[in-house]
Amino acid sequence: MAEHSPGSNNAYWTANLRVISISLVIWFICSFGMGIILRPALSGIQIGGADLGFWMAQNGSIYIFIILIFVYTKVMNKLDRHHGVEE
């Protein structure tokens, strides 16, 4: 592993925190936002025999979380390679 300057370490952690922040915002919107806060507004949209708010609270958010895990892994692997800290 190569030596890194403090500036490159800061750039890595800044990018890392940005990825985590975006992931948390997506998680919040899909679970709490669409499943609880926006549920009444989404009641007119039907998916699989249930309204979209209920579907997101029961099924959709789980699918989004699984997709989010794979996207997070891919983005972090790319970020690690870019900054030379891959395993």
N, C-alpha and C. Protein backbone atom coordinates (compact mmCIF):
# COMPACT_ATOMS: atom_id res chain seq x y z
N MET A 1 0.85 -1.17 0.00
CA MET A 1 0.00 0.00 0.00
C MET A 1 0.90 1.23 0.00
N ALA A 2 0.58 2.18 -0.83
CA ALA A 2 1.38 3.38 -1.00
C ALA A 2 1.07 4.40 0.09
N GLU A 3 2.05 5.27 0.35
CA GLU A 3 1.84 6.37 1.30
C GLU A 3 0.89 7.38 0.69
N HIS A 4 0.02 7.92 1.50
CA HIS A 4 -0.93 8.93 1.04
C HIS A 4 -0.75 10.18 1.87
N SER A 5 -0.90 11.31 1.20
CA SER A 5 -0.80 12.58 1.91
C SER A 5 -2.09 12.81 2.69
N PRO A 6 -2.02 13.67 3.72
CA PRO A 6 -3.23 13.98 4.47
C PRO A 6 -4.34 14.52 3.60
N GLY A 7 -3.99 15.25 2.54
CA GLY A 7 -5.00 15.78 1.63
C GLY A 7 -5.77 14.68 0.91
N SER A 8 -5.05 13.62 0.49
CA SER A 8 -5.74 12.53 -0.20
C SER A 8 -6.61 11.74 0.76
N ASN A 9 -6.16 11.62 2.02
CA ASN A 9 -6.99 10.95 3.03
C ASN A 9 -8.27 11.75 3.27
N ASN A 10 -8.14 13.08 3.33
CA ASN A 10 -9.32 13.91 3.51
C ASN A 10 -10.26 13.81 2.33
N ALA A 11 -9.71 13.75 1.12
CA ALA A 11 -10.54 13.62 -0.08
C ALA A 11 -11.28 12.28 -0.06
N TYR A 12 -10.60 11.21 0.37
CA TYR A 12 -11.23 9.90 0.45
C TYR A 12 -12.39 9.91 1.44
N TRP A 13 -12.13 10.44 2.64
CA TRP A 13 -13.18 10.44 3.67
C TRP A 13 -14.32 11.39 3.32
N THR A 14 -14.02 12.48 2.63
CA THR A 14 -15.09 13.37 2.18
C THR A 14 -15.98 12.65 1.17
N ALA A 15 -15.37 11.95 0.22
CA ALA A 15 -16.14 11.19 -0.76
C ALA A 15 -16.90 10.05 -0.08
N ASN A 16 -16.28 9.39 0.88
CA ASN A 16 -16.91 8.31 1.63
C ASN A 16 -18.15 8.82 2.37
N LEU A 17 -18.01 9.93 3.05
CA LEU A 17 -19.15 10.51 3.78
C LEU A 17 -20.25 10.96 2.83
N ARG A 18 -19.88 11.43 1.65
CA ARG A 18 -20.89 11.83 0.66
C ARG A 18 -21.71 10.62 0.22
N VAL A 19 -21.04 9.49 -0.04
CA VAL A 19 -21.74 8.26 -0.44
C VAL A 19 -22.67 7.79 0.67
N ILE A 20 -22.18 7.81 1.91
CA ILE A 20 -22.99 7.40 3.05
C ILE A 20 -24.19 8.34 3.23
N SER A 21 -23.97 9.63 3.08
CA SER A 21 -25.07 10.60 3.24
C SER A 21 -26.14 10.40 2.18
N ILE A 22 -25.74 10.20 0.94
CA ILE A 22 -26.70 9.96 -0.14
C ILE A 22 -27.48 8.67 0.13
N SER A 23 -26.78 7.63 0.58
CA SER A 23 -27.44 6.37 0.90
C SER A 23 -28.46 6.53 2.01
N LEU A 24 -28.11 7.30 3.04
CA LEU A 24 -29.04 7.52 4.14
C LEU A 24 -30.26 8.33 3.71
N VAL A 25 -30.06 9.30 2.83
CA VAL A 25 -31.20 10.09 2.33
C VAL A 25 -32.14 9.18 1.53
N ILE A 26 -31.59 8.34 0.66
CA ILE A 26 -32.41 7.41 -0.11
C ILE A 26 -33.15 6.48 0.84
N TRP A 27 -32.45 5.94 1.84
CA TRP A 27 -33.07 5.06 2.83
C TRP A 27 -34.21 5.78 3.55
N PHE A 28 -34.01 7.01 3.97
CA PHE A 28 -35.04 7.76 4.68
C PHE A 28 -36.26 8.01 3.80
N ILE A 29 -36.02 8.45 2.57
CA ILE A 29 -37.14 8.75 1.66
C ILE A 29 -37.96 7.50 1.38
N CYS A 30 -37.28 6.37 1.15
CA CYS A 30 -38.00 5.14 0.81
C CYS A 30 -38.73 4.53 1.99
N SER A 31 -38.12 4.54 3.15
CA SER A 31 -38.76 3.88 4.29
C SER A 31 -39.70 4.82 5.04
N PHE A 32 -39.16 5.85 5.64
CA PHE A 32 -39.96 6.74 6.46
C PHE A 32 -40.82 7.67 5.62
N GLY A 33 -40.24 8.22 4.56
CA GLY A 33 -40.97 9.16 3.72
C GLY A 33 -42.14 8.54 2.99
N MET A 34 -41.86 7.53 2.14
CA MET A 34 -42.91 6.93 1.32
C MET A 34 -43.80 5.99 2.12
N GLY A 35 -43.26 5.33 3.13
CA GLY A 35 -44.04 4.37 3.90
C GLY A 35 -44.87 4.99 5.00
N ILE A 36 -44.51 6.18 5.50
CA ILE A 36 -45.23 6.78 6.61
C ILE A 36 -45.72 8.18 6.28
N ILE A 37 -44.82 9.09 5.98
CA ILE A 37 -45.19 10.51 5.80
C ILE A 37 -46.06 10.69 4.55
N LEU A 38 -45.63 10.13 3.42
CA LEU A 38 -46.34 10.34 2.16
C LEU A 38 -47.38 9.27 1.87
N ARG A 39 -47.61 8.36 2.80
CA ARG A 39 -48.55 7.27 2.55
C ARG A 39 -49.94 7.76 2.15
N PRO A 40 -50.52 8.74 2.84
CA PRO A 40 -51.86 9.20 2.41
C PRO A 40 -51.86 9.77 0.98
N ALA A 41 -50.80 10.45 0.60
CA ALA A 41 -50.73 11.03 -0.75
C ALA A 41 -50.55 9.95 -1.82
N LEU A 42 -49.97 8.82 -1.45
CA LEU A 42 -49.71 7.74 -2.39
C LEU A 42 -50.84 6.72 -2.43
N SER A 43 -51.91 6.96 -1.69
CA SER A 43 -52.98 5.95 -1.58
C SER A 43 -53.73 5.71 -2.88
N GLY A 44 -53.71 6.65 -3.82
CA GLY A 44 -54.41 6.47 -5.08
C GLY A 44 -53.67 5.64 -6.10
N ILE A 45 -52.39 5.42 -5.89
CA ILE A 45 -51.56 4.66 -6.84
C ILE A 45 -51.54 3.20 -6.40
N GLN A 46 -51.99 2.31 -7.27
CA GLN A 46 -52.08 0.88 -6.94
C GLN A 46 -50.90 0.11 -7.52
N ILE A 47 -50.32 -0.76 -6.67
CA ILE A 47 -49.27 -1.69 -7.09
C ILE A 47 -49.59 -3.04 -6.47
N GLY A 48 -49.79 -4.04 -7.29
CA GLY A 48 -50.05 -5.39 -6.78
C GLY A 48 -51.28 -5.48 -5.89
N GLY A 49 -52.29 -4.68 -6.14
CA GLY A 49 -53.52 -4.74 -5.34
C GLY A 49 -53.48 -3.93 -4.07
N ALA A 50 -52.41 -3.22 -3.81
CA ALA A 50 -52.30 -2.38 -2.61
C ALA A 50 -51.86 -0.99 -3.03
N ASP A 51 -52.15 -0.01 -2.19
CA ASP A 51 -51.69 1.34 -2.54
C ASP A 51 -50.18 1.44 -2.39
N LEU A 52 -49.60 2.39 -3.11
CA LEU A 52 -48.13 2.52 -3.17
C LEU A 52 -47.50 2.76 -1.80
N GLY A 53 -48.13 3.56 -0.95
CA GLY A 53 -47.57 3.82 0.38
C GLY A 53 -47.48 2.56 1.21
N PHE A 54 -48.55 1.76 1.20
CA PHE A 54 -48.55 0.49 1.93
C PHE A 54 -47.52 -0.46 1.33
N TRP A 55 -47.48 -0.54 -0.01
CA TRP A 55 -46.55 -1.43 -0.68
C TRP A 55 -45.10 -1.06 -0.35
N MET A 56 -44.79 0.25 -0.34
CA MET A 56 -43.42 0.70 0.00
C MET A 56 -43.08 0.35 1.44
N ALA A 57 -44.05 0.50 2.35
CA ALA A 57 -43.80 0.18 3.75
C ALA A 57 -43.57 -1.32 3.95
N GLN A 58 -44.27 -2.16 3.18
CA GLN A 58 -44.20 -3.60 3.39
C GLN A 58 -43.17 -4.30 2.50
N ASN A 59 -43.08 -3.91 1.25
CA ASN A 59 -42.23 -4.63 0.29
C ASN A 59 -41.20 -3.75 -0.39
N GLY A 60 -41.63 -2.62 -0.89
CA GLY A 60 -40.78 -1.77 -1.73
C GLY A 60 -39.51 -1.32 -1.05
N SER A 61 -39.61 -0.94 0.21
CA SER A 61 -38.42 -0.45 0.90
C SER A 61 -37.37 -1.56 1.06
N ILE A 62 -37.82 -2.79 1.21
CA ILE A 62 -36.88 -3.92 1.31
C ILE A 62 -36.13 -4.08 -0.01
N TYR A 63 -36.86 -4.00 -1.12
CA TYR A 63 -36.21 -4.09 -2.43
C TYR A 63 -35.22 -2.94 -2.64
N ILE A 64 -35.64 -1.75 -2.25
CA ILE A 64 -34.76 -0.58 -2.38
C ILE A 64 -33.51 -0.77 -1.52
N PHE A 65 -33.65 -1.29 -0.30
CA PHE A 65 -32.50 -1.51 0.58
C PHE A 65 -31.52 -2.50 -0.03
N ILE A 66 -32.03 -3.57 -0.61
CA ILE A 66 -31.15 -4.56 -1.23
C ILE A 66 -30.40 -3.95 -2.42
N ILE A 67 -31.11 -3.21 -3.24
CA ILE A 67 -30.46 -2.52 -4.36
C ILE A 67 -29.43 -1.53 -3.83
N LEU A 68 -29.78 -0.81 -2.78
CA LEU A 68 -28.88 0.17 -2.17
C LEU A 68 -27.59 -0.48 -1.67
N ILE A 69 -27.68 -1.68 -1.12
CA ILE A 69 -26.49 -2.39 -0.65
C ILE A 69 -25.54 -2.68 -1.81
N PHE A 70 -26.10 -3.19 -2.92
CA PHE A 70 -25.26 -3.52 -4.08
C PHE A 70 -24.66 -2.26 -4.70
N VAL A 71 -25.44 -1.20 -4.81
CA VAL A 71 -24.93 0.05 -5.37
C VAL A 71 -23.84 0.62 -4.46
N TYR A 72 -24.07 0.61 -3.14
CA TYR A 72 -23.08 1.11 -2.19
C TYR A 72 -21.77 0.33 -2.32
N THR A 73 -21.86 -0.98 -2.43
CA THR A 73 -20.66 -1.81 -2.57
C THR A 73 -19.90 -1.46 -3.83
N LYS A 74 -20.62 -1.32 -4.94
CA LYS A 74 -19.97 -1.00 -6.21
C LYS A 74 -19.31 0.38 -6.16
N VAL A 75 -20.02 1.37 -5.62
CA VAL A 75 -19.48 2.73 -5.55
C VAL A 75 -18.27 2.78 -4.61
N MET A 76 -18.35 2.10 -3.47
CA MET A 76 -17.22 2.13 -2.54
C MET A 76 -16.01 1.39 -3.09
N ASN A 77 -16.22 0.30 -3.80
CA ASN A 77 -15.08 -0.39 -4.43
C ASN A 77 -14.40 0.51 -5.45
N LYS A 78 -15.19 1.23 -6.24
CA LYS A 78 -14.62 2.17 -7.20
C LYS A 78 -13.88 3.30 -6.49
N LEU A 79 -14.45 3.81 -5.42
CA LEU A 79 -13.82 4.87 -4.63
C LEU A 79 -12.52 4.39 -4.00
N ASP A 80 -12.53 3.17 -3.47
CA ASP A 80 -11.32 2.60 -2.88
C ASP A 80 -10.21 2.45 -3.92
N ARG A 81 -10.56 1.97 -5.11
CA ARG A 81 -9.56 1.82 -6.18
C ARG A 81 -9.01 3.20 -6.59
N HIS A 82 -9.91 4.17 -6.70
CA HIS A 82 -9.49 5.51 -7.11
C HIS A 82 -8.50 6.12 -6.13
N HIS A 83 -8.69 5.86 -4.84
CA HIS A 83 -7.82 6.44 -3.81
C HIS A 83 -6.70 5.48 -3.37
N GLY A 84 -6.65 4.30 -3.98
CA GLY A 84 -5.56 3.37 -3.70
C GLY A 84 -5.65 2.72 -2.33
N VAL A 85 -6.84 2.48 -1.83
CA VAL A 85 -6.99 1.85 -0.51
C VAL A 85 -7.80 0.56 -0.59
N GLU A 86 -7.88 -0.05 -1.78
CA GLU A 86 -8.63 -1.29 -1.92
C GLU A 86 -7.92 -2.42 -1.18
N GLU A 87 -8.71 -3.42 -0.83
CA GLU A 87 -8.16 -4.55 -0.09
C GLU A 87 -7.50 -5.53 -1.02
